[in-house]
Amino acid sequence: MSGSSKTAMGYVETNWSLPRAYQEIIERQNVYDGTWQKTPSMGWMFIPLTQYHGGGAAATIEPLHEHLDHYRRRMINLLGAGVQAIYRGPRLYDTEETKTMVHDMVSFYKKHKEILDADIIHLRRPDGKDWDGILHVNPKADEKGFLMLYNPLEKEITRTIKVSLYYTGLKSKARIIDQNGNSQRYKVQNKEMTISVKIPKHGYVWYVIK
């Protein structure tokens, strides 16, 4: 933002000493708030694999295999937003299972890199009380939209969400492909679509829009 290629997304250092569950929500808030005036790849984030500013075991991800689900959520929080991070620790994986998870997350990002690095439309700011989400848009790409939704709650939720497709360039219809490869066509009315989604507890879902 001052002639360089990258700047901090914006976060409070001592937040990374809070319990892991808090860090997940704060992380998504940082991305949500930090991408109004810059694209995702312009702002870097931070994942403390080891203790940072205190907090002890409750605040750290190491040993990685013991907190694999949390580690996966931290990676999808950022890679799903097109944001790169500094991973503070001596290693990215400690077991074959952890290595597979990291590999899968990186492969996911590389496969959808063009749209994940694109501009973000802000849908609902994370507050830990209900779903939150973002929409990537790029009318010039094959994948014109990428819908990323999260559920911080202790239970599975079903929500009906209106999504503006104005900046995707889609005007009358859209093909939506979920993370399992299932495809469905939607009508675009008034430059938006209405989609019903089911998000698992402490989980996420994503959809490619073409």
C-alpha atoms as a PDB file:
ATOM      1  CA  MET A   1       0.000   0.000   0.000  1.00  0.00           C
ATOM      2  CA  SER A   2       3.118   2.212   0.159  1.00  0.00           C
ATOM      3  CA  GLY A   3       4.847   1.039  -2.999  1.00  0.00           C
ATOM      4  CA  SER A   4       5.464  -2.499  -1.747  1.00  0.00           C
ATOM      5  CA  SER A   5       3.786  -5.720  -2.863  1.00  0.00           C
ATOM      6  CA  LYS A   6       2.348  -6.728   0.486  1.00  0.00           C
ATOM      7  CA  THR A   7       1.322  -5.308   3.861  1.00  0.00           C
ATOM      8  CA  ALA A   8      -0.154  -6.678   7.071  1.00  0.00           C
ATOM      9  CA  MET A   9      -3.829  -7.649   6.868  1.00  0.00           C
ATOM     10  CA  GLY A  10      -4.310  -5.982  10.231  1.00  0.00           C
ATOM     11  CA  TYR A  11      -4.423  -7.781  13.590  1.00  0.00           C
ATOM     12  CA  VAL A  12      -3.563  -7.365  17.261  1.00  0.00           C
ATOM     13  CA  GLU A  13      -0.466  -9.395  18.136  1.00  0.00           C
ATOM     14  CA  THR A  14      -1.650 -10.428  21.589  1.00  0.00           C
ATOM     15  CA  ASN A  15      -4.836 -11.962  20.139  1.00  0.00           C
ATOM     16  CA  TRP A  16      -2.694 -14.959  19.206  1.00  0.00           C
ATOM     17  CA  SER A  17      -2.325 -15.744  22.910  1.00  0.00           C
ATOM     18  CA  LEU A  18      -6.069 -16.297  23.266  1.00  0.00           C
ATOM     19  CA  PRO A  19      -7.599 -19.808  23.253  1.00  0.00           C
ATOM     20  CA  ARG A  20      -7.655 -21.474  19.834  1.00  0.00           C
ATOM     21  CA  ALA A  21     -11.444 -21.183  19.374  1.00  0.00           C
ATOM     22  CA  TYR A  22     -11.246 -17.394  19.798  1.00  0.00           C
ATOM     23  CA  GLN A  23      -8.388 -17.171  17.324  1.00  0.00           C
ATOM     24  CA  GLU A  24     -10.507 -18.796  14.602  1.00  0.00           C
ATOM     25  CA  ILE A  25     -13.187 -16.116  14.812  1.00  0.00           C
ATOM     26  CA  ILE A  26     -10.741 -13.224  15.219  1.00  0.00           C
ATOM     27  CA  GLU A  27      -8.753 -14.476  12.238  1.00  0.00           C
ATOM     28  CA  ARG A  28     -11.803 -14.341   9.968  1.00  0.00           C
ATOM     29  CA  GLN A  29     -12.730 -10.917  11.376  1.00  0.00           C
ATOM     30  CA  ASN A  30      -9.244  -9.654  10.500  1.00  0.00           C
ATOM     31  CA  VAL A  31      -9.620 -10.872   6.918  1.00  0.00           C
ATOM     32  CA  TYR A  32     -13.161  -9.521   6.611  1.00  0.00           C
ATOM     33  CA  ASP A  33     -12.122  -6.094   7.888  1.00  0.00           C
ATOM     34  CA  GLY A  34      -8.810  -6.002   6.050  1.00  0.00           C
ATOM     35  CA  THR A  35     -10.069  -6.631   2.517  1.00  0.00           C
ATOM     36  CA  TRP A  36     -12.299  -3.631   1.939  1.00  0.00           C
ATOM     37  CA  GLN A  37      -9.496  -1.576   0.407  1.00  0.00           C
ATOM     38  CA  LYS A  38      -7.082  -4.260  -0.756  1.00  0.00           C
ATOM     39  CA  THR A  39      -7.266  -7.618  -2.469  1.00  0.00           C
ATOM     40  CA  PRO A  40      -6.668 -10.765  -0.349  1.00  0.00           C
ATOM     41  CA  SER A  41      -3.124 -11.435  -1.548  1.00  0.00           C
ATOM     42  CA  MET A  42      -2.024  -7.901  -0.598  1.00  0.00           C
ATOM     43  CA  GLY A  43      -2.392  -8.597   3.128  1.00  0.00           C
ATOM     44  CA  TRP A  44      -0.517 -11.293   5.015  1.00  0.00           C
ATOM     45  CA  MET A  45      -1.742 -13.044   8.152  1.00  0.00           C
ATOM     46  CA  PHE A  46      -0.203 -15.042  11.007  1.00  0.00           C
ATOM     47  CA  ILE A  47      -0.745 -18.556  12.401  1.00  0.00           C
ATOM     48  CA  PRO A  48       1.090 -19.330  15.673  1.00  0.00           C
ATOM     49  CA  LEU A  49       1.847 -23.054  15.538  1.00  0.00           C
ATOM     50  CA  THR A  50       3.864 -22.579  18.729  1.00  0.00           C
ATOM     51  CA  GLN A  51       3.219 -20.281  21.689  1.00  0.00           C
ATOM     52  CA  TYR A  52       3.206 -16.582  20.853  1.00  0.00           C
ATOM     53  CA  HIS A  53       2.742 -13.828  23.461  1.00  0.00           C
ATOM     54  CA  GLY A  54       1.753 -16.424  26.047  1.00  0.00           C
ATOM     55  CA  GLY A  55      -1.448 -18.395  26.352  1.00  0.00           C
ATOM     56  CA  GLY A  56       0.194 -21.769  26.889  1.00  0.00           C
ATOM     57  CA  ALA A  57      -1.121 -25.014  25.440  1.00  0.00           C
ATOM     58  CA  ALA A  58      -4.662 -23.629  25.059  1.00  0.00           C
ATOM     59  CA  ALA A  59      -3.436 -21.030  22.567  1.00  0.00           C
ATOM     60  CA  THR A  60      -1.084 -23.143  20.441  1.00  0.00           C
ATOM     61  CA  ILE A  61      -1.601 -25.711  17.689  1.00  0.00           C
ATOM     62  CA  GLU A  62       1.428 -27.850  18.479  1.00  0.00           C
ATOM     63  CA  PRO A  63       1.406 -30.820  18.686  1.00  0.00           C
ATOM     64  CA  LEU A  64      -0.208 -30.402  15.274  1.00  0.00           C
ATOM     65  CA  HIS A  65      -1.732 -33.888  15.002  1.00  0.00           C
ATOM     66  CA  GLU A  66      -3.529 -33.407  18.308  1.00  0.00           C
ATOM     67  CA  HIS A  67      -5.337 -30.328  16.972  1.00  0.00           C
ATOM     68  CA  LEU A  68      -5.734 -31.396  13.357  1.00  0.00           C
ATOM     69  CA  ASP A  69      -9.324 -30.180  12.919  1.00  0.00           C
ATOM     70  CA  HIS A  70      -8.405 -26.763  14.289  1.00  0.00           C
ATOM     71  CA  TYR A  71      -5.299 -26.610  12.082  1.00  0.00           C
ATOM     72  CA  ARG A  72      -7.458 -27.465   9.048  1.00  0.00           C
ATOM     73  CA  ARG A  73      -9.914 -24.711   9.931  1.00  0.00           C
ATOM     74  CA  ARG A  74      -7.107 -22.183  10.304  1.00  0.00           C
ATOM     75  CA  MET A  75      -5.798 -23.052   6.860  1.00  0.00           C
ATOM     76  CA  ILE A  76      -9.223 -22.925   5.188  1.00  0.00           C
ATOM     77  CA  ASN A  77      -9.941 -19.616   6.963  1.00  0.00           C
ATOM     78  CA  LEU A  78      -7.019 -18.050   5.133  1.00  0.00           C
ATOM     79  CA  LEU A  79      -6.548 -20.053   1.930  1.00  0.00           C
ATOM     80  CA  GLY A  80     -10.310 -19.960   1.386  1.00  0.00           C
ATOM     81  CA  ALA A  81     -10.015 -16.185   1.516  1.00  0.00           C
ATOM     82  CA  GLY A  82      -6.966 -16.123  -0.772  1.00  0.00           C
ATOM     83  CA  VAL A  83      -4.760 -14.900   2.064  1.00  0.00           C
ATOM     84  CA  GLN A  84      -1.230 -16.154   2.756  1.00  0.00           C
ATOM     85  CA  ALA A  85       0.178 -16.441   6.268  1.00  0.00           C
ATOM     86  CA  ILE A  86       3.357 -16.682   8.263  1.00  0.00           C
ATOM     87  CA  TYR A  87       3.266 -20.072  10.005  1.00  0.00           C
ATOM     88  CA  ARG A  88       5.281 -19.524  13.181  1.00  0.00           C
ATOM     89  CA  GLY A  89       6.801 -22.822  14.257  1.00  0.00           C
ATOM     90  CA  PRO A  90       9.486 -25.393  13.425  1.00  0.00           C
ATOM     91  CA  ARG A  91       7.373 -27.514  11.034  1.00  0.00           C
ATOM     92  CA  LEU A  92       4.199 -27.559   8.930  1.00  0.00           C
ATOM     93  CA  TYR A  93       3.377 -31.185   9.763  1.00  0.00           C
ATOM     94  CA  ASP A  94       4.378 -33.776  12.345  1.00  0.00           C
ATOM     95  CA  THR A  95       2.636 -36.970  11.156  1.00  0.00           C
ATOM     96  CA  GLU A  96       1.615 -38.411   7.795  1.00  0.00           C
ATOM     97  CA  GLU A  97      -2.008 -37.514   8.550  1.00  0.00           C
ATOM     98  CA  THR A  98      -1.039 -33.900   9.205  1.00  0.00           C
ATOM     99  CA  LYS A  99       1.103 -33.851   6.067  1.00  0.00           C
ATOM    100  CA  THR A 100      -1.843 -35.117   3.992  1.00  0.00           C
ATOM    101  CA  MET A 101      -4.097 -32.399   5.392  1.00  0.00           C
ATOM    102  CA  VAL A 102      -1.565 -29.655   4.599  1.00  0.00           C
ATOM    103  CA  HIS A 103      -1.063 -31.083   1.102  1.00  0.00           C
ATOM    104  CA  ASP A 104      -4.816 -31.176   0.482  1.00  0.00           C
ATOM    105  CA  MET A 105      -5.268 -27.577   1.639  1.00  0.00           C
ATOM    106  CA  VAL A 106      -2.429 -26.313  -0.559  1.00  0.00           C
ATOM    107  CA  SER A 107      -3.778 -28.299  -3.535  1.00  0.00           C
ATOM    108  CA  PHE A 108      -7.218 -26.777  -2.948  1.00  0.00           C
ATOM    109  CA  TYR A 109      -5.730 -23.289  -3.033  1.00  0.00           C
ATOM    110  CA  LYS A 110      -3.655 -23.931  -6.159  1.00  0.00           C
ATOM    111  CA  LYS A 111      -6.651 -25.387  -8.011  1.00  0.00           C
ATOM    112  CA  HIS A 112      -8.780 -22.297  -7.376  1.00  0.00           C
ATOM    113  CA  LYS A 113      -5.989 -19.736  -7.085  1.00  0.00           C
ATOM    114  CA  GLU A 114      -7.254 -17.335  -9.760  1.00  0.00           C
ATOM    115  CA  ILE A 115     -10.637 -16.816  -8.145  1.00  0.00           C
ATOM    116  CA  LEU A 116      -9.393 -17.062  -4.529  1.00  0.00           C
ATOM    117  CA  ASP A 117      -6.951 -14.223  -5.192  1.00  0.00           C
ATOM    118  CA  ALA A 118      -9.766 -12.102  -6.625  1.00  0.00           C
ATOM    119  CA  ASP A 119     -11.725  -9.316  -4.955  1.00  0.00           C
ATOM    120  CA  ILE A 120     -13.971 -10.113  -1.996  1.00  0.00           C
ATOM    121  CA  ILE A 121     -17.637  -9.236  -1.604  1.00  0.00           C
ATOM    122  CA  HIS A 122     -18.395  -9.151   2.126  1.00  0.00           C
ATOM    123  CA  LEU A 123     -21.514 -11.128   3.079  1.00  0.00           C
ATOM    124  CA  ARG A 124     -21.640 -11.393   6.888  1.00  0.00           C
ATOM    125  CA  ARG A 125     -18.972 -10.395   9.409  1.00  0.00           C
ATOM    126  CA  PRO A 126     -17.855 -13.168  11.798  1.00  0.00           C
ATOM    127  CA  ASP A 127     -19.260 -12.771  15.308  1.00  0.00           C
ATOM    128  CA  GLY A 128     -19.347 -16.355  16.610  1.00  0.00           C
ATOM    129  CA  LYS A 129     -23.145 -16.207  16.854  1.00  0.00           C
ATOM    130  CA  ASP A 130     -24.174 -17.370  13.371  1.00  0.00           C
ATOM    131  CA  TRP A 131     -22.762 -18.093   9.930  1.00  0.00           C
ATOM    132  CA  ASP A 132     -20.246 -15.783   8.302  1.00  0.00           C
ATOM    133  CA  GLY A 133     -18.998 -15.675   4.762  1.00  0.00           C
ATOM    134  CA  ILE A 134     -17.395 -14.023   1.780  1.00  0.00           C
ATOM    135  CA  LEU A 135     -17.751 -14.185  -1.997  1.00  0.00           C
ATOM    136  CA  HIS A 136     -14.804 -13.937  -4.378  1.00  0.00           C
ATOM    137  CA  VAL A 137     -15.639 -12.459  -7.783  1.00  0.00           C
ATOM    138  CA  ASN A 138     -13.844 -12.273 -11.126  1.00  0.00           C
ATOM    139  CA  PRO A 139     -16.008 -11.878 -14.247  1.00  0.00           C
ATOM    140  CA  LYS A 140     -12.993 -12.528 -16.508  1.00  0.00           C
ATOM    141  CA  ALA A 141     -12.176 -15.946 -14.991  1.00  0.00           C
ATOM    142  CA  ASP A 142     -13.674 -19.338 -15.756  1.00  0.00           C
ATOM    143  CA  GLU A 143     -14.690 -19.604 -12.098  1.00  0.00           C
ATOM    144  CA  LYS A 144     -16.536 -16.303 -11.842  1.00  0.00           C
ATOM    145  CA  GLY A 145     -17.405 -16.622  -8.172  1.00  0.00           C
ATOM    146  CA  PHE A 146     -16.309 -18.571  -5.116  1.00  0.00           C
ATOM    147  CA  LEU A 147     -18.648 -18.654  -2.128  1.00  0.00           C
ATOM    148  CA  MET A 148     -16.969 -19.446   1.208  1.00  0.00           C
ATOM    149  CA  LEU A 149     -19.222 -19.955   4.264  1.00  0.00           C
ATOM    150  CA  TYR A 150     -18.362 -20.821   7.870  1.00  0.00           C
ATOM    151  CA  ASN A 151     -20.293 -22.062  10.902  1.00  0.00           C
ATOM    152  CA  PRO A 152     -18.721 -21.320  14.323  1.00  0.00           C
ATOM    153  CA  LEU A 153     -21.566 -22.906  16.297  1.00  0.00           C
ATOM    154  CA  GLU A 154     -21.757 -26.175  18.210  1.00  0.00           C
ATOM    155  CA  LYS A 155     -24.518 -27.461  15.933  1.00  0.00           C
ATOM    156  CA  GLU A 156     -25.141 -27.926  12.234  1.00  0.00           C
ATOM    157  CA  ILE A 157     -27.109 -25.076  10.697  1.00  0.00           C
ATOM    158  CA  THR A 158     -29.237 -24.593   7.584  1.00  0.00           C
ATOM    159  CA  ARG A 159     -29.557 -21.093   6.182  1.00  0.00           C
ATOM    160  CA  THR A 160     -31.102 -19.441   3.138  1.00  0.00           C
ATOM    161  CA  ILE A 161     -28.741 -16.777   1.857  1.00  0.00           C
ATOM    162  CA  LYS A 162     -29.124 -14.125  -0.833  1.00  0.00           C
ATOM    163  CA  VAL A 163     -25.911 -13.640  -2.769  1.00  0.00           C
ATOM    164  CA  SER A 164     -25.302 -10.728  -5.127  1.00  0.00           C
ATOM    165  CA  LEU A 165     -23.770 -11.880  -8.411  1.00  0.00           C
ATOM    166  CA  TYR A 166     -23.458  -8.397  -9.869  1.00  0.00           C
ATOM    167  CA  TYR A 167     -19.654  -8.444  -9.909  1.00  0.00           C
ATOM    168  CA  THR A 168     -19.450 -11.971 -11.348  1.00  0.00           C
ATOM    169  CA  GLY A 169     -20.951 -10.761 -14.623  1.00  0.00           C
ATOM    170  CA  LEU A 170     -23.622 -13.499 -14.523  1.00  0.00           C
ATOM    171  CA  LYS A 171     -27.011 -12.087 -15.486  1.00  0.00           C
ATOM    172  CA  SER A 172     -29.661 -14.779 -15.995  1.00  0.00           C
ATOM    173  CA  LYS A 173     -28.377 -18.097 -14.673  1.00  0.00           C
ATOM    174  CA  ALA A 174     -25.483 -19.558 -12.723  1.00  0.00           C
ATOM    175  CA  ARG A 175     -24.083 -23.050 -12.257  1.00  0.00           C
ATOM    176  CA  ILE A 176     -23.088 -23.770  -8.674  1.00  0.00           C
ATOM    177  CA  ILE A 177     -20.643 -26.587  -7.910  1.00  0.00           C
ATOM    178  CA  ASP A 178     -20.203 -27.644  -4.276  1.00  0.00           C
ATOM    179  CA  GLN A 179     -17.034 -29.003  -2.685  1.00  0.00           C
ATOM    180  CA  ASN A 180     -18.144 -32.574  -3.431  1.00  0.00           C
ATOM    181  CA  GLY A 181     -18.482 -31.849  -7.147  1.00  0.00           C
ATOM    182  CA  ASN A 182     -22.290 -31.735  -7.219  1.00  0.00           C
ATOM    183  CA  SER A 183     -23.628 -29.203  -9.719  1.00  0.00           C
ATOM    184  CA  GLN A 184     -26.900 -27.274  -9.708  1.00  0.00           C
ATOM    185  CA  ARG A 185     -28.286 -24.427 -11.814  1.00  0.00           C
ATOM    186  CA  TYR A 186     -29.790 -21.314 -10.239  1.00  0.00           C
ATOM    187  CA  LYS A 187     -31.780 -18.436 -11.680  1.00  0.00           C
ATOM    188  CA  VAL A 188     -30.228 -15.018 -11.311  1.00  0.00           C
ATOM    189  CA  GLN A 189     -32.910 -12.448 -10.528  1.00  0.00           C
ATOM    190  CA  ASN A 190     -32.189  -8.788  -9.847  1.00  0.00           C
ATOM    191  CA  LYS A 191     -28.499  -9.697 -10.160  1.00  0.00           C
ATOM    192  CA  GLU A 192     -28.630 -12.038  -7.170  1.00  0.00           C
ATOM    193  CA  MET A 193     -29.386 -15.655  -6.335  1.00  0.00           C
ATOM    194  CA  THR A 194     -30.900 -17.328  -3.301  1.00  0.00           C
ATOM    195  CA  ILE A 195     -29.206 -20.482  -2.054  1.00  0.00           C
ATOM    196  CA  SER A 196     -30.033 -22.845   0.806  1.00  0.00           C
ATOM    197  CA  VAL A 197     -26.931 -24.153   2.566  1.00  0.00           C
ATOM    198  CA  LYS A 198     -26.216 -26.666   5.301  1.00  0.00           C
ATOM    199  CA  ILE A 199     -23.007 -26.052   7.231  1.00  0.00           C
ATOM    200  CA  PRO A 200     -21.661 -28.606   9.742  1.00  0.00           C
ATOM    201  CA  LYS A 201     -20.857 -27.567  13.303  1.00  0.00           C
ATOM    202  CA  HIS A 202     -17.505 -25.816  13.580  1.00  0.00           C
ATOM    203  CA  GLY A 203     -17.273 -26.362   9.843  1.00  0.00           C
ATOM    204  CA  TYR A 204     -17.398 -24.737   6.453  1.00  0.00           C
ATOM    205  CA  VAL A 205     -18.742 -25.205   2.930  1.00  0.00           C
ATOM    206  CA  TRP A 206     -17.673 -23.693  -0.358  1.00  0.00           C
ATOM    207  CA  TYR A 207     -19.176 -23.355  -3.819  1.00  0.00           C
ATOM    208  CA  VAL A 208     -17.712 -22.504  -7.223  1.00  0.00           C
ATOM    209  CA  ILE A 209     -19.939 -20.260  -9.339  1.00  0.00           C
ATOM    210  CA  LYS A 210     -19.771 -20.352 -13.132  1.00  0.00           C
END
